[in-house]
């Protein structure tokens, strides 16, 4: 708390015409929680996306995905 109080005392001495600059600097140092919350909600919206798929269809989907990944990433490329 001591550091916070010292910072607040120093802010009082900042000229009024520089307050916007100070605000931008402080804002650039804070974590981007709004953006990460939004991203988290988007990711979680896919939860249960395969819930209505039968076990057989889901197994086929996984097998096909593995097959495509193998074809794409386990190949020799001449550069």
PDB file of N, CA and C in Angstrom:
ATOM      1  N   UNK A   1       0.818  -1.197   0.000  1.00  0.00           N
ATOM      2  CA  UNK A   1       0.000   0.000   0.000  1.00  0.00           C
ATOM      3  C   UNK A   1       0.856   1.253   0.000  1.00  0.00           C
ATOM      4  N   UNK A   2       2.039   1.163   0.582  1.00  0.00           N
ATOM      5  CA  UNK A   2       2.908   2.322   0.661  1.00  0.00           C
ATOM      6  C   UNK A   2       3.277   2.815  -0.740  1.00  0.00           C
ATOM      7  N   UNK A   3       3.565   1.880  -1.632  1.00  0.00           N
ATOM      8  CA  UNK A   3       3.927   2.256  -3.000  1.00  0.00           C
ATOM      9  C   UNK A   3       2.736   2.911  -3.697  1.00  0.00           C
ATOM     10  N   UNK A   4       1.565   2.358  -3.524  1.00  0.00           N
ATOM     11  CA  UNK A   4       0.367   2.929  -4.140  1.00  0.00           C
ATOM     12  C   UNK A   4       0.144   4.359  -3.661  1.00  0.00           C
ATOM     13  N   UNK A   5       0.294   4.590  -2.377  1.00  0.00           N
ATOM     14  CA  UNK A   5       0.136   5.943  -1.842  1.00  0.00           C
ATOM     15  C   UNK A   5       1.175   6.890  -2.435  1.00  0.00           C
ATOM     16  N   UNK A   6       2.401   6.433  -2.579  1.00  0.00           N
ATOM     17  CA  UNK A   6       3.448   7.264  -3.176  1.00  0.00           C
ATOM     18  C   UNK A   6       3.124   7.594  -4.631  1.00  0.00           C
ATOM     19  N   UNK A   7       2.609   6.620  -5.359  1.00  0.00           N
ATOM     20  CA  UNK A   7       2.237   6.850  -6.759  1.00  0.00           C
ATOM     21  C   UNK A   7       1.121   7.889  -6.837  1.00  0.00           C
ATOM     22  N   UNK A   8       0.114   7.747  -5.991  1.00  0.00           N
ATOM     23  CA  UNK A   8      -1.000   8.701  -5.997  1.00  0.00           C
ATOM     24  C   UNK A   8      -0.521  10.115  -5.662  1.00  0.00           C
ATOM     25  N   UNK A   9       0.421  10.251  -4.740  1.00  0.00           N
ATOM     26  CA  UNK A   9       0.978  11.572  -4.414  1.00  0.00           C
ATOM     27  C   UNK A   9       1.696  12.161  -5.623  1.00  0.00           C
ATOM     28  N   UNK A  10       2.434  11.336  -6.348  1.00  0.00           N
ATOM     29  CA  UNK A  10       3.163  11.805  -7.527  1.00  0.00           C
ATOM     30  C   UNK A  10       2.204  12.217  -8.645  1.00  0.00           C
ATOM     31  N   UNK A  11       1.098  11.508  -8.775  1.00  0.00           N
ATOM     32  CA  UNK A  11       0.131  11.820  -9.827  1.00  0.00           C
ATOM     33  C   UNK A  11      -0.433  13.230  -9.643  1.00  0.00           C
ATOM     34  N   UNK A  12      -0.549  13.679  -8.409  1.00  0.00           N
ATOM     35  CA  UNK A  12      -1.058  15.030  -8.160  1.00  0.00           C
ATOM     36  C   UNK A  12      -0.185  16.091  -8.825  1.00  0.00           C
ATOM     37  N   UNK A  13       1.094  15.788  -9.018  1.00  0.00           N
ATOM     38  CA  UNK A  13       2.028  16.769  -9.592  1.00  0.00           C
ATOM     39  C   UNK A  13       2.081  16.728 -11.118  1.00  0.00           C
ATOM     40  N   UNK A  14       1.362  15.805 -11.732  1.00  0.00           N
ATOM     41  CA  UNK A  14       1.370  15.706 -13.186  1.00  0.00           C
ATOM     42  C   UNK A  14       0.547  16.862 -13.758  1.00  0.00           C
ATOM     43  N   UNK A  15       1.112  17.599 -14.722  1.00  0.00           N
ATOM     44  CA  UNK A  15       0.347  18.705 -15.319  1.00  0.00           C
ATOM     45  C   UNK A  15      -0.923  18.202 -16.001  1.00  0.00           C
ATOM     46  N   UNK A  16      -1.942  18.995 -15.984  1.00  0.00           N
ATOM     47  CA  UNK A  16      -3.245  18.611 -16.526  1.00  0.00           C
ATOM     48  C   UNK A  16      -3.137  18.229 -17.998  1.00  0.00           C
ATOM     49  N   UNK A  17      -2.316  18.930 -18.742  1.00  0.00           N
ATOM     50  CA  UNK A  17      -2.193  18.631 -20.176  1.00  0.00           C
ATOM     51  C   UNK A  17      -1.478  17.309 -20.459  1.00  0.00           C
ATOM     52  N   UNK A  18      -0.921  16.677 -19.445  1.00  0.00           N
ATOM     53  CA  UNK A  18      -0.235  15.394 -19.625  1.00  0.00           C
ATOM     54  C   UNK A  18      -1.022  14.219 -19.042  1.00  0.00           C
ATOM     55  N   UNK A  19      -2.195  14.481 -18.485  1.00  0.00           N
ATOM     56  CA  UNK A  19      -2.978  13.420 -17.851  1.00  0.00           C
ATOM     57  C   UNK A  19      -3.443  12.359 -18.848  1.00  0.00           C
ATOM     58  N   UNK A  20      -3.805  12.770 -20.046  1.00  0.00           N
ATOM     59  CA  UNK A  20      -4.213  11.790 -21.069  1.00  0.00           C
ATOM     60  C   UNK A  20      -3.064  10.841 -21.376  1.00  0.00           C
ATOM     61  N   UNK A  21      -1.867  11.375 -21.492  1.00  0.00           N
ATOM     62  CA  UNK A  21      -0.671  10.551 -21.726  1.00  0.00           C
ATOM     63  C   UNK A  21      -0.464   9.558 -20.589  1.00  0.00           C
ATOM     64  N   UNK A  22      -0.609  10.059 -19.373  1.00  0.00           N
ATOM     65  CA  UNK A  22      -0.455   9.210 -18.193  1.00  0.00           C
ATOM     66  C   UNK A  22      -1.496   8.102 -18.192  1.00  0.00           C
ATOM     67  N   UNK A  23      -2.727   8.462 -18.530  1.00  0.00           N
ATOM     68  CA  UNK A  23      -3.795   7.473 -18.591  1.00  0.00           C
ATOM     69  C   UNK A  23      -3.459   6.382 -19.608  1.00  0.00           C
ATOM     70  N   UNK A  24      -2.999   6.762 -20.793  1.00  0.00           N
ATOM     71  CA  UNK A  24      -2.636   5.797 -21.833  1.00  0.00           C
ATOM     72  C   UNK A  24      -1.519   4.873 -21.347  1.00  0.00           C
ATOM     73  N   UNK A  25      -0.532   5.440 -20.660  1.00  0.00           N
ATOM     74  CA  UNK A  25       0.567   4.624 -20.137  1.00  0.00           C
ATOM     75  C   UNK A  25       0.053   3.622 -19.109  1.00  0.00           C
ATOM     76  N   UNK A  26      -0.757   4.089 -18.179  1.00  0.00           N
ATOM     77  CA  UNK A  26      -1.296   3.186 -17.154  1.00  0.00           C
ATOM     78  C   UNK A  26      -2.160   2.110 -17.797  1.00  0.00           C
ATOM     79  N   UNK A  27      -2.975   2.511 -18.755  1.00  0.00           N
ATOM     80  CA  UNK A  27      -3.840   1.549 -19.441  1.00  0.00           C
ATOM     81  C   UNK A  27      -3.019   0.499 -20.191  1.00  0.00           C
ATOM     82  N   UNK A  28      -1.888   0.890 -20.755  1.00  0.00           N
ATOM     83  CA  UNK A  28      -1.052  -0.068 -21.487  1.00  0.00           C
ATOM     84  C   UNK A  28      -0.396  -1.093 -20.560  1.00  0.00           C
ATOM     85  N   UNK A  29      -0.300  -0.770 -19.282  1.00  0.00           N
ATOM     86  CA  UNK A  29       0.325  -1.675 -18.312  1.00  0.00           C
ATOM     87  C   UNK A  29      -0.655  -2.642 -17.667  1.00  0.00           C
ATOM     88  N   UNK A  30      -1.951  -2.384 -17.798  1.00  0.00           N
ATOM     89  CA  UNK A  30      -2.938  -3.252 -17.161  1.00  0.00           C
ATOM     90  C   UNK A  30      -3.222  -4.463 -18.036  1.00  0.00           C
ATOM     91  N   UNK A  31      -3.537  -5.609 -17.425  1.00  0.00           N
ATOM     92  CA  UNK A  31      -3.831  -6.815 -18.210  1.00  0.00           C
ATOM     93  C   UNK A  31      -5.093  -6.638 -19.029  1.00  0.00           C
ATOM     94  N   UNK A  32      -5.140  -7.304 -20.129  1.00  0.00           N
ATOM     95  CA  UNK A  32      -6.265  -7.215 -21.056  1.00  0.00           C
ATOM     96  C   UNK A  32      -7.359  -8.207 -20.640  1.00  0.00           C
ATOM     97  N   UNK A  33      -7.984  -8.009 -19.495  1.00  0.00           N
ATOM     98  CA  UNK A  33      -8.966  -8.965 -18.990  1.00  0.00           C
ATOM     99  C   UNK A  33     -10.229  -9.006 -19.833  1.00  0.00           C
ATOM    100  N   UNK A  34     -10.656  -7.876 -20.351  1.00  0.00           N
ATOM    101  CA  UNK A  34     -11.875  -7.876 -21.152  1.00  0.00           C
ATOM    102  C   UNK A  34     -11.700  -8.738 -22.391  1.00  0.00           C
ATOM    103  N   UNK A  35     -10.542  -8.606 -23.034  1.00  0.00           N
ATOM    104  CA  UNK A  35     -10.289  -9.389 -24.240  1.00  0.00           C
ATOM    105  C   UNK A  35     -10.206 -10.872 -23.911  1.00  0.00           C
ATOM    106  N   UNK A  36      -9.522 -11.230 -22.824  1.00  0.00           N
ATOM    107  CA  UNK A  36      -9.388 -12.643 -22.493  1.00  0.00           C
ATOM    108  C   UNK A  36     -10.729 -13.230 -22.044  1.00  0.00           C
ATOM    109  N   UNK A  37     -11.557 -12.443 -21.371  1.00  0.00           N
ATOM    110  CA  UNK A  37     -12.891 -12.924 -20.992  1.00  0.00           C
ATOM    111  C   UNK A  37     -13.727 -13.188 -22.232  1.00  0.00           C
ATOM    112  N   UNK A  38     -13.630 -12.298 -23.184  1.00  0.00           N
ATOM    113  CA  UNK A  38     -14.380 -12.463 -24.430  1.00  0.00           C
ATOM    114  C   UNK A  38     -13.912 -13.712 -25.168  1.00  0.00           C
ATOM    115  N   UNK A  39     -12.608 -13.898 -25.253  1.00  0.00           N
ATOM    116  CA  UNK A  39     -12.048 -15.076 -25.921  1.00  0.00           C
ATOM    117  C   UNK A  39     -12.465 -16.346 -25.184  1.00  0.00           C
ATOM    118  N   UNK A  40     -12.439 -16.304 -23.873  1.00  0.00           N
ATOM    119  CA  UNK A  40     -12.832 -17.464 -23.067  1.00  0.00           C
ATOM    120  C   UNK A  40     -14.283 -17.851 -23.365  1.00  0.00           C
ATOM    121  N   UNK A  41     -15.166 -16.860 -23.447  1.00  0.00           N
ATOM    122  CA  UNK A  41     -16.572 -17.140 -23.736  1.00  0.00           C
ATOM    123  C   UNK A  41     -16.741 -17.740 -25.124  1.00  0.00           C
ATOM    124  N   UNK A  42     -15.976 -17.244 -26.097  1.00  0.00           N
ATOM    125  CA  UNK A  42     -16.062 -17.789 -27.444  1.00  0.00           C
ATOM    126  C   UNK A  42     -15.616 -19.246 -27.474  1.00  0.00           C
ATOM    127  N   UNK A  43     -14.524 -19.540 -26.781  1.00  0.00           N
ATOM    128  CA  UNK A  43     -14.005 -20.914 -26.746  1.00  0.00           C
ATOM    129  C   UNK A  43     -15.002 -21.837 -26.049  1.00  0.00           C
ATOM    130  N   UNK A  44     -15.540 -21.393 -24.919  1.00  0.00           N
ATOM    131  CA  UNK A  44     -16.482 -22.226 -24.168  1.00  0.00           C
ATOM    132  C   UNK A  44     -17.793 -22.444 -24.920  1.00  0.00           C
ATOM    133  N   UNK A  45     -18.103 -21.564 -25.871  1.00  0.00           N
ATOM    134  CA  UNK A  45     -19.337 -21.741 -26.632  1.00  0.00           C
ATOM    135  C   UNK A  45     -19.302 -23.004 -27.488  1.00  0.00           C
ATOM    136  N   UNK A  46     -18.111 -23.549 -27.745  1.00  0.00           N
ATOM    137  CA  UNK A  46     -17.988 -24.783 -28.513  1.00  0.00           C
ATOM    138  C   UNK A  46     -18.153 -26.029 -27.647  1.00  0.00           C
ATOM    139  N   UNK A  47     -18.206 -25.845 -26.327  1.00  0.00           N
ATOM    140  CA  UNK A  47     -18.376 -26.969 -25.419  1.00  0.00           C
ATOM    141  C   UNK A  47     -19.638 -27.752 -25.736  1.00  0.00           C
ATOM    142  N   UNK A  48     -19.523 -29.049 -25.869  1.00  0.00           N
ATOM    143  CA  UNK A  48     -20.662 -29.893 -26.163  1.00  0.00           C
ATOM    144  C   UNK A  48     -21.067 -29.889 -27.624  1.00  0.00           C
ATOM    145  N   UNK A  49     -20.222 -29.333 -28.483  1.00  0.00           N
ATOM    146  CA  UNK A  49     -20.561 -29.249 -29.907  1.00  0.00           C
ATOM    147  C   UNK A  49     -20.761 -30.631 -30.528  1.00  0.00           C
ATOM    148  N   UNK A  50     -20.096 -31.642 -29.997  1.00  0.00           N
ATOM    149  CA  UNK A  50     -20.222 -32.993 -30.534  1.00  0.00           C
ATOM    150  C   UNK A  50     -21.158 -33.858 -29.695  1.00  0.00           C
ATOM    151  N   UNK A  51     -21.870 -33.228 -28.763  1.00  0.00           N
ATOM    152  CA  UNK A  51     -22.734 -33.962 -27.842  1.00  0.00           C
ATOM    153  C   UNK A  51     -23.868 -34.712 -28.515  1.00  0.00           C
ATOM    154  N   UNK A  52     -24.348 -34.210 -29.632  1.00  0.00           N
ATOM    155  CA  UNK A  52     -25.474 -34.876 -30.295  1.00  0.00           C
ATOM    156  C   UNK A  52     -25.013 -35.876 -31.350  1.00  0.00           C
ATOM    157  N   UNK A  53     -23.700 -36.087 -31.445  1.00  0.00           N
ATOM    158  CA  UNK A  53     -23.144 -37.022 -32.429  1.00  0.00           C
ATOM    159  C   UNK A  53     -23.083 -38.424 -31.818  1.00  0.00           C
ATOM    160  N   UNK A  54     -23.393 -39.435 -32.613  1.00  0.00           N
ATOM    161  CA  UNK A  54     -23.334 -40.806 -32.100  1.00  0.00           C
ATOM    162  C   UNK A  54     -21.881 -41.203 -31.855  1.00  0.00           C
ATOM    163  N   UNK A  55     -21.701 -42.217 -31.025  1.00  0.00           N
ATOM    164  CA  UNK A  55     -20.345 -42.702 -30.719  1.00  0.00           C
ATOM    165  C   UNK A  55     -19.618 -43.119 -31.999  1.00  0.00           C
ATOM    166  N   UNK A  56     -20.330 -43.795 -32.896  1.00  0.00           N
ATOM    167  CA  UNK A  56     -19.728 -44.260 -34.149  1.00  0.00           C
ATOM    168  C   UNK A  56     -19.305 -43.085 -35.022  1.00  0.00           C
ATOM    169  N   UNK A  57     -20.185 -42.108 -35.166  1.00  0.00           N
ATOM    170  CA  UNK A  57     -19.860 -40.933 -35.974  1.00  0.00           C
ATOM    171  C   UNK A  57     -18.685 -40.162 -35.377  1.00  0.00           C
ATOM    172  N   UNK A  58     -18.661 -40.046 -34.051  1.00  0.00           N
ATOM    173  CA  UNK A  58     -17.570 -39.340 -33.395  1.00  0.00           C
ATOM    174  C   UNK A  58     -16.248 -40.083 -33.591  1.00  0.00           C
ATOM    175  N   UNK A  59     -16.276 -41.398 -33.479  1.00  0.00           N
ATOM    176  CA  UNK A  59     -15.067 -42.198 -33.711  1.00  0.00           C
ATOM    177  C   UNK A  59     -14.592 -42.038 -35.160  1.00  0.00           C
ATOM    178  N   UNK A  60     -15.534 -42.040 -36.108  1.00  0.00           N
ATOM    179  CA  UNK A  60     -15.180 -41.816 -37.512  1.00  0.00           C
ATOM    180  C   UNK A  60     -14.559 -40.436 -37.703  1.00  0.00           C
ATOM    181  N   UNK A  61     -15.130 -39.449 -37.049  1.00  0.00           N
ATOM    182  CA  UNK A  61     -14.599 -38.085 -37.124  1.00  0.00           C
ATOM    183  C   UNK A  61     -13.161 -38.030 -36.603  1.00  0.00           C
ATOM    184  N   UNK A  62     -12.912 -38.645 -35.450  1.00  0.00           N
ATOM    185  CA  UNK A  62     -11.561 -38.659 -34.889  1.00  0.00           C
ATOM    186  C   UNK A  62     -10.581 -39.385 -35.804  1.00  0.00           C
ATOM    187  N   UNK A  63     -10.981 -40.523 -36.331  1.00  0.00           N
ATOM    188  CA  UNK A  63     -10.102 -41.269 -37.240  1.00  0.00           C
ATOM    189  C   UNK A  63      -9.773 -40.460 -38.486  1.00  0.00           C
ATOM    190  N   UNK A  64     -10.774 -39.813 -39.044  1.00  0.00           N
ATOM    191  CA  UNK A  64     -10.555 -38.994 -40.245  1.00  0.00           C
ATOM    192  C   UNK A  64      -9.636 -37.811 -39.935  1.00  0.00           C
ATOM    193  N   UNK A  65      -9.826 -37.196 -38.774  1.00  0.00           N
ATOM    194  CA  UNK A  65      -8.981 -36.071 -38.373  1.00  0.00           C
ATOM    195  C   UNK A  65      -7.530 -36.518 -38.221  1.00  0.00           C
ATOM    196  N   UNK A  66      -7.310 -37.663 -37.581  1.00  0.00           N
ATOM    197  CA  UNK A  66      -5.952 -38.186 -37.423  1.00  0.00           C
ATOM    198  C   UNK A  66      -5.327 -38.501 -38.776  1.00  0.00           C
ATOM    199  N   UNK A  67      -6.107 -39.059 -39.661  1.00  0.00           N
ATOM    200  CA  UNK A  67      -5.616 -39.407 -40.993  1.00  0.00           C
ATOM    201  C   UNK A  67      -5.178 -38.145 -41.760  1.00  0.00           C
ATOM    202  N   UNK A  68      -6.004 -37.131 -41.729  1.00  0.00           N
ATOM    203  CA  UNK A  68      -5.690 -35.883 -42.436  1.00  0.00           C
ATOM    204  C   UNK A  68      -4.455 -35.217 -41.830  1.00  0.00           C
ATOM    205  N   UNK A  69      -4.360 -35.194 -40.511  1.00  0.00           N
ATOM    206  CA  UNK A  69      -3.187 -34.605 -39.859  1.00  0.00           C
ATOM    207  C   UNK A  69      -1.919 -35.342 -40.253  1.00  0.00           C
ATOM    208  N   UNK A  70      -1.997 -36.659 -40.280  1.00  0.00           N
ATOM    209  CA  UNK A  70      -0.830 -37.455 -40.667  1.00  0.00           C
ATOM    210  C   UNK A  70      -0.420 -37.136 -42.093  1.00  0.00           C
ATOM    211  N   UNK A  71      -1.381 -37.040 -42.982  1.00  0.00           N
ATOM    212  CA  UNK A  71      -1.075 -36.731 -44.376  1.00  0.00           C
ATOM    213  C   UNK A  71      -0.473 -35.336 -44.516  1.00  0.00           C
ATOM    214  N   UNK A  72      -0.944 -34.409 -43.723  1.00  0.00           N
ATOM    215  CA  UNK A  72      -0.460 -33.038 -43.843  1.00  0.00           C
ATOM    216  C   UNK A  72       0.904 -32.820 -43.211  1.00  0.00           C
ATOM    217  N   UNK A  73       1.127 -33.417 -42.058  1.00  0.00           N
ATOM    218  CA  UNK A  73       2.308 -33.082 -41.276  1.00  0.00           C
ATOM    219  C   UNK A  73       3.389 -34.148 -41.268  1.00  0.00           C
ATOM    220  N   UNK A  74       3.098 -35.352 -41.689  1.00  0.00           N
ATOM    221  CA  UNK A  74       4.110 -36.409 -41.713  1.00  0.00           C
ATOM    222  C   UNK A  74       4.554 -36.691 -43.143  1.00  0.00           C
ATOM    223  N   UNK A  75       4.923 -35.670 -43.848  1.00  0.00           N
ATOM    224  CA  UNK A  75       5.364 -35.854 -45.230  1.00  0.00           C
ATOM    225  C   UNK A  75       6.693 -35.155 -45.420  1.00  0.00           C
ATOM    226  N   UNK A  76       7.453 -35.647 -46.355  1.00  0.00           N
ATOM    227  CA  UNK A  76       8.739 -35.027 -46.665  1.00  0.00           C
ATOM    228  C   UNK A  76       8.520 -33.910 -47.684  1.00  0.00           C
ATOM    229  N   UNK A  77       9.092 -32.785 -47.389  1.00  0.00           N
ATOM    230  CA  UNK A  77       8.969 -31.636 -48.291  1.00  0.00           C
ATOM    231  C   UNK A  77      10.368 -31.243 -48.723  1.00  0.00           C
ATOM    232  N   UNK A  78      10.577 -31.177 -50.028  1.00  0.00           N
ATOM    233  CA  UNK A  78      11.860 -30.734 -50.559  1.00  0.00           C
ATOM    234  C   UNK A  78      11.849 -29.218 -50.686  1.00  0.00           C
ATOM    235  N   UNK A  79      12.788 -28.598 -50.005  1.00  0.00           N
ATOM    236  CA  UNK A  79      12.869 -27.144 -50.078  1.00  0.00           C
ATOM    237  C   UNK A  79      14.017 -26.717 -50.961  1.00  0.00           C
TER     238      UNK A  79
END
